């Protein structure tokens, strides 16, 4: 019996911020952060999928788009920090 793939839905802001973070992680010593090499394959697959899905990865205003997405995803200063958007995945 074949197990179906797992599908995770992200907003464009979530995808952009996650893609940037995964890129940073991959550029560092990944073995310091991920102690099980079996985790690397899904991390690389996820990063590749995000990169292909995101328009504007090489746009001149990428840094501004990324910072704007980060601002929108951060909780408001007066909100409860334990309430995370999208935590129902």
PDB file of N, CA and C in Angstrom:
ATOM      1  N   UNK A   1       0.837  -1.179   0.000  1.00  0.00           N
ATOM      2  CA  UNK A   1       0.000   0.000   0.000  1.00  0.00           C
ATOM      3  C   UNK A   1       0.883   1.244   0.000  1.00  0.00           C
ATOM      4  N   UNK A   2       0.664   2.087  -0.998  1.00  0.00           N
ATOM      5  CA  UNK A   2       1.464   3.302  -1.125  1.00  0.00           C
ATOM      6  C   UNK A   2       0.887   4.410  -0.252  1.00  0.00           C
ATOM      7  N   UNK A   3       1.753   5.073   0.475  1.00  0.00           N
ATOM      8  CA  UNK A   3       1.350   6.182   1.323  1.00  0.00           C
ATOM      9  C   UNK A   3       1.319   7.448   0.477  1.00  0.00           C
ATOM     10  N   UNK A   4       0.240   8.220   0.550  1.00  0.00           N
ATOM     11  CA  UNK A   4       0.187   9.460  -0.238  1.00  0.00           C
ATOM     12  C   UNK A   4       1.191  10.485   0.281  1.00  0.00           C
ATOM     13  N   UNK A   5       1.555  11.404  -0.595  1.00  0.00           N
ATOM     14  CA  UNK A   5       2.462  12.470  -0.183  1.00  0.00           C
ATOM     15  C   UNK A   5       1.780  13.377   0.824  1.00  0.00           C
ATOM     16  N   UNK A   6       2.568  14.018   1.638  1.00  0.00           N
ATOM     17  CA  UNK A   6       2.092  15.014   2.589  1.00  0.00           C
ATOM     18  C   UNK A   6       2.140  16.363   1.891  1.00  0.00           C
ATOM     19  N   UNK A   7       1.077  17.115   1.967  1.00  0.00           N
ATOM     20  CA  UNK A   7       1.022  18.434   1.348  1.00  0.00           C
ATOM     21  C   UNK A   7       0.919  19.477   2.454  1.00  0.00           C
ATOM     22  N   UNK A   8       1.816  20.437   2.400  1.00  0.00           N
ATOM     23  CA  UNK A   8       1.830  21.544   3.364  1.00  0.00           C
ATOM     24  C   UNK A   8       1.519  22.815   2.599  1.00  0.00           C
ATOM     25  N   UNK A   9       0.545  23.546   3.061  1.00  0.00           N
ATOM     26  CA  UNK A   9       0.171  24.794   2.409  1.00  0.00           C
ATOM     27  C   UNK A   9       0.777  25.967   3.178  1.00  0.00           C
ATOM     28  N   UNK A  10       1.386  26.882   2.424  1.00  0.00           N
ATOM     29  CA  UNK A  10       1.990  28.081   2.993  1.00  0.00           C
ATOM     30  C   UNK A  10       1.473  29.301   2.252  1.00  0.00           C
ATOM     31  N   UNK A  11       1.391  30.403   2.943  1.00  0.00           N
ATOM     32  CA  UNK A  11       1.091  31.663   2.274  1.00  0.00           C
ATOM     33  C   UNK A  11       2.348  32.085   1.512  1.00  0.00           C
ATOM     34  N   UNK A  12       2.209  32.989   0.553  1.00  0.00           N
ATOM     35  CA  UNK A  12       3.414  33.472  -0.138  1.00  0.00           C
ATOM     36  C   UNK A  12       4.443  34.073   0.826  1.00  0.00           C
ATOM     37  N   UNK A  13       3.988  34.791   1.850  1.00  0.00           N
ATOM     38  CA  UNK A  13       4.918  35.350   2.837  1.00  0.00           C
ATOM     39  C   UNK A  13       5.640  34.241   3.585  1.00  0.00           C
ATOM     40  N   UNK A  14       4.907  33.233   4.031  1.00  0.00           N
ATOM     41  CA  UNK A  14       5.521  32.117   4.755  1.00  0.00           C
ATOM     42  C   UNK A  14       6.532  31.395   3.874  1.00  0.00           C
ATOM     43  N   UNK A  15       6.166  31.183   2.616  1.00  0.00           N
ATOM     44  CA  UNK A  15       7.067  30.492   1.691  1.00  0.00           C
ATOM     45  C   UNK A  15       8.346  31.285   1.466  1.00  0.00           C
ATOM     46  N   UNK A  16       8.210  32.589   1.302  1.00  0.00           N
ATOM     47  CA  UNK A  16       9.380  33.434   1.060  1.00  0.00           C
ATOM     48  C   UNK A  16      10.324  33.429   2.254  1.00  0.00           C
ATOM     49  N   UNK A  17       9.788  33.606   3.437  1.00  0.00           N
ATOM     50  CA  UNK A  17      10.612  33.647   4.648  1.00  0.00           C
ATOM     51  C   UNK A  17      11.245  32.280   4.906  1.00  0.00           C
ATOM     52  N   UNK A  18      10.484  31.218   4.740  1.00  0.00           N
ATOM     53  CA  UNK A  18      11.025  29.876   4.945  1.00  0.00           C
ATOM     54  C   UNK A  18      12.098  29.552   3.912  1.00  0.00           C
ATOM     55  N   UNK A  19      11.870  29.922   2.666  1.00  0.00           N
ATOM     56  CA  UNK A  19      12.860  29.673   1.614  1.00  0.00           C
ATOM     57  C   UNK A  19      14.176  30.377   1.930  1.00  0.00           C
ATOM     58  N   UNK A  20      14.097  31.618   2.357  1.00  0.00           N
ATOM     59  CA  UNK A  20      15.314  32.363   2.696  1.00  0.00           C
ATOM     60  C   UNK A  20      16.042  31.703   3.862  1.00  0.00           C
ATOM     61  N   UNK A  21      15.290  31.284   4.887  1.00  0.00           N
ATOM     62  CA  UNK A  21      15.905  30.638   6.049  1.00  0.00           C
ATOM     63  C   UNK A  21      16.566  29.321   5.649  1.00  0.00           C
ATOM     64  N   UNK A  22      15.872  28.522   4.832  1.00  0.00           N
ATOM     65  CA  UNK A  22      16.464  27.254   4.393  1.00  0.00           C
ATOM     66  C   UNK A  22      17.743  27.486   3.592  1.00  0.00           C
ATOM     67  N   UNK A  23      17.753  28.520   2.767  1.00  0.00           N
ATOM     68  CA  UNK A  23      18.961  28.853   2.006  1.00  0.00           C
ATOM     69  C   UNK A  23      20.112  29.187   2.952  1.00  0.00           C
ATOM     70  N   UNK A  24      19.829  29.970   3.984  1.00  0.00           N
ATOM     71  CA  UNK A  24      20.869  30.317   4.961  1.00  0.00           C
ATOM     72  C   UNK A  24      21.375  29.069   5.678  1.00  0.00           C
ATOM     73  N   UNK A  25      20.467  28.184   6.049  1.00  0.00           N
ATOM     74  CA  UNK A  25      20.847  26.953   6.747  1.00  0.00           C
ATOM     75  C   UNK A  25      21.723  26.086   5.852  1.00  0.00           C
ATOM     76  N   UNK A  26      21.348  25.983   4.595  1.00  0.00           N
ATOM     77  CA  UNK A  26      22.122  25.150   3.674  1.00  0.00           C
ATOM     78  C   UNK A  26      23.511  25.717   3.404  1.00  0.00           C
ATOM     79  N   UNK A  27      23.663  27.024   3.561  1.00  0.00           N
ATOM     80  CA  UNK A  27      24.959  27.652   3.316  1.00  0.00           C
ATOM     81  C   UNK A  27      25.885  27.557   4.528  1.00  0.00           C
ATOM     82  N   UNK A  28      25.337  27.127   5.664  1.00  0.00           N
ATOM     83  CA  UNK A  28      26.159  26.965   6.860  1.00  0.00           C
ATOM     84  C   UNK A  28      26.561  25.502   6.980  1.00  0.00           C
ATOM     85  N   UNK A  29      27.194  25.171   8.049  1.00  0.00           N
ATOM     86  CA  UNK A  29      27.541  23.784   8.325  1.00  0.00           C
ATOM     87  C   UNK A  29      26.275  23.071   8.772  1.00  0.00           C
ATOM     88  N   UNK A  30      25.577  22.468   7.829  1.00  0.00           N
ATOM     89  CA  UNK A  30      24.276  21.851   8.092  1.00  0.00           C
ATOM     90  C   UNK A  30      24.364  20.772   9.165  1.00  0.00           C
ATOM     91  N   UNK A  31      25.498  20.106   9.264  1.00  0.00           N
ATOM     92  CA  UNK A  31      25.629  19.028  10.243  1.00  0.00           C
ATOM     93  C   UNK A  31      25.622  19.545  11.684  1.00  0.00           C
ATOM     94  N   UNK A  32      25.935  20.825  11.885  1.00  0.00           N
ATOM     95  CA  UNK A  32      25.847  21.383  13.244  1.00  0.00           C
ATOM     96  C   UNK A  32      24.404  21.526  13.687  1.00  0.00           C
ATOM     97  N   UNK A  33      23.527  21.869  12.748  1.00  0.00           N
ATOM     98  CA  UNK A  33      22.119  22.087  13.053  1.00  0.00           C
ATOM     99  C   UNK A  33      21.307  20.805  12.962  1.00  0.00           C
ATOM    100  N   UNK A  34      21.613  19.991  11.975  1.00  0.00           N
ATOM    101  CA  UNK A  34      20.863  18.761  11.728  1.00  0.00           C
ATOM    102  C   UNK A  34      21.785  17.587  12.005  1.00  0.00           C
ATOM    103  N   UNK A  35      21.496  16.869  13.088  1.00  0.00           N
ATOM    104  CA  UNK A  35      22.406  15.792  13.494  1.00  0.00           C
ATOM    105  C   UNK A  35      22.075  14.444  12.849  1.00  0.00           C
ATOM    106  N   UNK A  36      21.042  14.383  12.030  1.00  0.00           N
ATOM    107  CA  UNK A  36      20.662  13.147  11.357  1.00  0.00           C
ATOM    108  C   UNK A  36      20.653  13.400   9.860  1.00  0.00           C
ATOM    109  N   UNK A  37      21.558  12.772   9.128  1.00  0.00           N
ATOM    110  CA  UNK A  37      21.678  12.991   7.684  1.00  0.00           C
ATOM    111  C   UNK A  37      20.400  12.637   6.931  1.00  0.00           C
ATOM    112  N   UNK A  38      19.534  11.828   7.515  1.00  0.00           N
ATOM    113  CA  UNK A  38      18.268  11.477   6.867  1.00  0.00           C
ATOM    114  C   UNK A  38      17.362  12.703   6.723  1.00  0.00           C
ATOM    115  N   UNK A  39      17.576  13.723   7.523  1.00  0.00           N
ATOM    116  CA  UNK A  39      16.752  14.928   7.466  1.00  0.00           C
ATOM    117  C   UNK A  39      17.168  15.826   6.306  1.00  0.00           C
ATOM    118  N   UNK A  40      18.386  15.681   5.836  1.00  0.00           N
ATOM    119  CA  UNK A  40      18.885  16.555   4.787  1.00  0.00           C
ATOM    120  C   UNK A  40      18.084  16.437   3.492  1.00  0.00           C
ATOM    121  N   UNK A  41      17.740  15.235   3.085  1.00  0.00           N
ATOM    122  CA  UNK A  41      17.019  15.035   1.823  1.00  0.00           C
ATOM    123  C   UNK A  41      15.696  15.794   1.807  1.00  0.00           C
ATOM    124  N   UNK A  42      14.838  15.658   2.835  1.00  0.00           N
ATOM    125  CA  UNK A  42      13.602  16.433   2.780  1.00  0.00           C
ATOM    126  C   UNK A  42      13.831  17.937   2.884  1.00  0.00           C
ATOM    127  N   UNK A  43      14.858  18.367   3.609  1.00  0.00           N
ATOM    128  CA  UNK A  43      15.153  19.804   3.681  1.00  0.00           C
ATOM    129  C   UNK A  43      15.539  20.347   2.308  1.00  0.00           C
ATOM    130  N   UNK A  44      16.400  19.617   1.604  1.00  0.00           N
ATOM    131  CA  UNK A  44      16.815  20.047   0.266  1.00  0.00           C
ATOM    132  C   UNK A  44      15.642  20.011  -0.708  1.00  0.00           C
ATOM    133  N   UNK A  45      14.788  19.001  -0.599  1.00  0.00           N
ATOM    134  CA  UNK A  45      13.623  18.906  -1.485  1.00  0.00           C
ATOM    135  C   UNK A  45      12.671  20.069  -1.228  1.00  0.00           C
ATOM    136  N   UNK A  46      12.437  20.372   0.031  1.00  0.00           N
ATOM    137  CA  UNK A  46      11.550  21.476   0.376  1.00  0.00           C
ATOM    138  C   UNK A  46      12.125  22.801  -0.134  1.00  0.00           C
ATOM    139  N   UNK A  47      13.402  23.003   0.064  1.00  0.00           N
ATOM    140  CA  UNK A  47      14.039  24.239  -0.389  1.00  0.00           C
ATOM    141  C   UNK A  47      13.944  24.370  -1.907  1.00  0.00           C
ATOM    142  N   UNK A  48      14.189  23.284  -2.624  1.00  0.00           N
ATOM    143  CA  UNK A  48      14.104  23.315  -4.085  1.00  0.00           C
ATOM    144  C   UNK A  48      12.696  23.597  -4.570  1.00  0.00           C
ATOM    145  N   UNK A  49      11.715  22.996  -3.917  1.00  0.00           N
ATOM    146  CA  UNK A  49      10.319  23.224  -4.290  1.00  0.00           C
ATOM    147  C   UNK A  49       9.938  24.676  -4.059  1.00  0.00           C
ATOM    148  N   UNK A  50      10.342  25.229  -2.932  1.00  0.00           N
ATOM    149  CA  UNK A  50      10.048  26.632  -2.647  1.00  0.00           C
ATOM    150  C   UNK A  50      10.713  27.546  -3.672  1.00  0.00           C
ATOM    151  N   UNK A  51      11.966  27.284  -3.974  1.00  0.00           N
ATOM    152  CA  UNK A  51      12.693  28.125  -4.921  1.00  0.00           C
ATOM    153  C   UNK A  51      12.007  28.143  -6.286  1.00  0.00           C
ATOM    154  N   UNK A  52      11.515  26.986  -6.730  1.00  0.00           N
ATOM    155  CA  UNK A  52      10.838  26.910  -8.029  1.00  0.00           C
ATOM    156  C   UNK A  52       9.469  27.586  -7.997  1.00  0.00           C
ATOM    157  N   UNK A  53       8.865  27.641  -6.834  1.00  0.00           N
ATOM    158  CA  UNK A  53       7.503  28.168  -6.707  1.00  0.00           C
ATOM    159  C   UNK A  53       7.441  29.671  -6.494  1.00  0.00           C
ATOM    160  N   UNK A  54       8.523  30.262  -6.064  1.00  0.00           N
ATOM    161  CA  UNK A  54       8.505  31.678  -5.703  1.00  0.00           C
ATOM    162  C   UNK A  54       8.953  32.570  -6.856  1.00  0.00           C
ATOM    163  N   UNK A  55       8.070  33.446  -7.300  1.00  0.00           N
ATOM    164  CA  UNK A  55       8.502  34.397  -8.321  1.00  0.00           C
ATOM    165  C   UNK A  55       9.386  35.476  -7.677  1.00  0.00           C
ATOM    166  N   UNK A  56      10.278  35.989  -8.418  1.00  0.00           N
ATOM    167  CA  UNK A  56      11.061  37.110  -7.915  1.00  0.00           C
ATOM    168  C   UNK A  56      12.238  36.739  -7.032  1.00  0.00           C
ATOM    169  N   UNK A  57      12.683  35.499  -7.083  1.00  0.00           N
ATOM    170  CA  UNK A  57      13.824  35.113  -6.242  1.00  0.00           C
ATOM    171  C   UNK A  57      15.072  35.935  -6.577  1.00  0.00           C
ATOM    172  N   UNK A  58      15.185  36.345  -7.825  1.00  0.00           N
ATOM    173  CA  UNK A  58      16.363  37.107  -8.233  1.00  0.00           C
ATOM    174  C   UNK A  58      16.003  38.553  -8.600  1.00  0.00           C
ATOM    175  N   UNK A  59      14.844  38.990  -8.130  1.00  0.00           N
ATOM    176  CA  UNK A  59      14.411  40.362  -8.405  1.00  0.00           C
ATOM    177  C   UNK A  59      15.300  41.353  -7.658  1.00  0.00           C
ATOM    178  N   UNK A  60      15.422  42.516  -8.230  1.00  0.00           N
ATOM    179  CA  UNK A  60      16.259  43.549  -7.618  1.00  0.00           C
ATOM    180  C   UNK A  60      15.742  43.959  -6.238  1.00  0.00           C
ATOM    181  N   UNK A  61      14.434  43.843  -6.038  1.00  0.00           N
ATOM    182  CA  UNK A  61      13.858  44.247  -4.755  1.00  0.00           C
ATOM    183  C   UNK A  61      13.593  43.062  -3.823  1.00  0.00           C
ATOM    184  N   UNK A  62      14.325  41.977  -4.021  1.00  0.00           N
ATOM    185  CA  UNK A  62      14.120  40.768  -3.207  1.00  0.00           C
ATOM    186  C   UNK A  62      14.264  41.063  -1.711  1.00  0.00           C
ATOM    187  N   UNK A  63      15.285  41.787  -1.326  1.00  0.00           N
ATOM    188  CA  UNK A  63      15.521  42.080   0.098  1.00  0.00           C
ATOM    189  C   UNK A  63      14.345  42.844   0.698  1.00  0.00           C
ATOM    190  N   UNK A  64      13.801  43.781  -0.052  1.00  0.00           N
ATOM    191  CA  UNK A  64      12.654  44.547   0.432  1.00  0.00           C
ATOM    192  C   UNK A  64      11.415  43.654   0.542  1.00  0.00           C
ATOM    193  N   UNK A  65      11.203  42.787  -0.438  1.00  0.00           N
ATOM    194  CA  UNK A  65      10.069  41.846  -0.392  1.00  0.00           C
ATOM    195  C   UNK A  65      10.186  40.920   0.813  1.00  0.00           C
ATOM    196  N   UNK A  66      11.388  40.429   1.044  1.00  0.00           N
ATOM    197  CA  UNK A  66      11.623  39.526   2.162  1.00  0.00           C
ATOM    198  C   UNK A  66      11.358  40.231   3.489  1.00  0.00           C
ATOM    199  N   UNK A  67      11.867  41.432   3.656  1.00  0.00           N
ATOM    200  CA  UNK A  67      11.658  42.160   4.912  1.00  0.00           C
ATOM    201  C   UNK A  67      10.183  42.482   5.115  1.00  0.00           C
ATOM    202  N   UNK A  68       9.479  42.838   4.062  1.00  0.00           N
ATOM    203  CA  UNK A  68       8.049  43.119   4.172  1.00  0.00           C
ATOM    204  C   UNK A  68       7.289  41.858   4.595  1.00  0.00           C
ATOM    205  N   UNK A  69       7.657  40.710   4.040  1.00  0.00           N
ATOM    206  CA  UNK A  69       7.014  39.442   4.423  1.00  0.00           C
ATOM    207  C   UNK A  69       7.301  39.126   5.883  1.00  0.00           C
ATOM    208  N   UNK A  70       8.530  39.343   6.319  1.00  0.00           N
ATOM    209  CA  UNK A  70       8.880  39.106   7.724  1.00  0.00           C
ATOM    210  C   UNK A  70       8.051  39.989   8.657  1.00  0.00           C
ATOM    211  N   UNK A  71       7.908  41.257   8.290  1.00  0.00           N
ATOM    212  CA  UNK A  71       7.113  42.174   9.123  1.00  0.00           C
ATOM    213  C   UNK A  71       5.671  41.695   9.231  1.00  0.00           C
ATOM    214  N   UNK A  72       5.105  41.259   8.110  1.00  0.00           N
ATOM    215  CA  UNK A  72       3.713  40.807   8.129  1.00  0.00           C
ATOM    216  C   UNK A  72       3.533  39.536   8.953  1.00  0.00           C
ATOM    217  N   UNK A  73       4.548  38.709   9.025  1.00  0.00           N
ATOM    218  CA  UNK A  73       4.438  37.441   9.754  1.00  0.00           C
ATOM    219  C   UNK A  73       4.728  37.574  11.244  1.00  0.00           C
ATOM    220  N   UNK A  74       5.465  38.587  11.612  1.00  0.00           N
ATOM    221  CA  UNK A  74       5.771  38.761  13.035  1.00  0.00           C
ATOM    222  C   UNK A  74       4.512  39.150  13.790  1.00  0.00           C
ATOM    223  N   UNK A  75       4.359  38.614  15.008  1.00  0.00           N
ATOM    224  CA  UNK A  75       3.193  39.009  15.805  1.00  0.00           C
ATOM    225  C   UNK A  75       3.284  40.484  16.175  1.00  0.00           C
ATOM    226  N   UNK A  76       2.131  41.109  16.293  1.00  0.00           N
ATOM    227  CA  UNK A  76       2.085  42.500  16.724  1.00  0.00           C
ATOM    228  C   UNK A  76       2.667  42.585  18.128  1.00  0.00           C
ATOM    229  N   UNK A  77       3.321  43.680  18.473  1.00  0.00           N
ATOM    230  CA  UNK A  77       3.960  43.800  19.789  1.00  0.00           C
ATOM    231  C   UNK A  77       3.013  43.556  20.956  1.00  0.00           C
ATOM    232  N   UNK A  78       1.736  43.867  20.797  1.00  0.00           N
ATOM    233  CA  UNK A  78       0.808  43.686  21.907  1.00  0.00           C
ATOM    234  C   UNK A  78       0.039  42.368  21.843  1.00  0.00           C
ATOM    235  N   UNK A  79       0.371  41.502  20.866  1.00  0.00           N
ATOM    236  CA  UNK A  79      -0.359  40.237  20.756  1.00  0.00           C
ATOM    237  C   UNK A  79       0.317  39.153  21.585  1.00  0.00           C
ATOM    238  N   UNK A  80      -0.411  38.107  21.848  1.00  0.00           N
ATOM    239  CA  UNK A  80       0.101  36.964  22.601  1.00  0.00           C
ATOM    240  C   UNK A  80       1.078  36.213  21.703  1.00  0.00           C
ATOM    241  N   UNK A  81       2.330  36.080  22.113  1.00  0.00           N
ATOM    242  CA  UNK A  81       3.344  35.436  21.287  1.00  0.00           C
ATOM    243  C   UNK A  81       3.149  33.937  21.165  1.00  0.00           C
ATOM    244  N   UNK A  82       2.262  33.348  21.943  1.00  0.00           N
ATOM    245  CA  UNK A  82       2.017  31.908  21.817  1.00  0.00           C
ATOM    246  C   UNK A  82       1.003  31.600  20.739  1.00  0.00           C
ATOM    247  N   UNK A  83       0.333  32.610  20.191  1.00  0.00           N
ATOM    248  CA  UNK A  83      -0.651  32.407  19.142  1.00  0.00           C
ATOM    249  C   UNK A  83       0.041  32.554  17.796  1.00  0.00           C
ATOM    250  N   UNK A  84       0.299  31.426  17.105  1.00  0.00           N
ATOM    251  CA  UNK A  84       1.014  31.435  15.840  1.00  0.00           C
ATOM    252  C   UNK A  84       0.046  31.215  14.691  1.00  0.00           C
ATOM    253  N   UNK A  85       0.104  32.081  13.700  1.00  0.00           N
ATOM    254  CA  UNK A  85      -0.702  31.877  12.515  1.00  0.00           C
ATOM    255  C   UNK A  85      -0.232  30.639  11.793  1.00  0.00           C
ATOM    256  N   UNK A  86      -1.158  29.886  11.248  1.00  0.00           N
ATOM    257  CA  UNK A  86      -0.804  28.724  10.465  1.00  0.00           C
ATOM    258  C   UNK A  86      -0.364  27.533  11.277  1.00  0.00           C
ATOM    259  N   UNK A  87      -0.576  27.538  12.577  1.00  0.00           N
ATOM    260  CA  UNK A  87      -0.120  26.415  13.399  1.00  0.00           C
ATOM    261  C   UNK A  87      -1.024  25.211  13.302  1.00  0.00           C
ATOM    262  N   UNK A  88      -2.062  25.294  12.450  1.00  0.00           N
ATOM    263  CA  UNK A  88      -2.973  24.168  12.316  1.00  0.00           C
ATOM    264  C   UNK A  88      -2.524  23.181  11.262  1.00  0.00           C
ATOM    265  N   UNK A  89      -1.312  23.328  10.736  1.00  0.00           N
ATOM    266  CA  UNK A  89      -0.801  22.405   9.725  1.00  0.00           C
ATOM    267  C   UNK A  89      -0.474  21.144  10.406  1.00  0.00           C
TER     268      UNK A  89
END
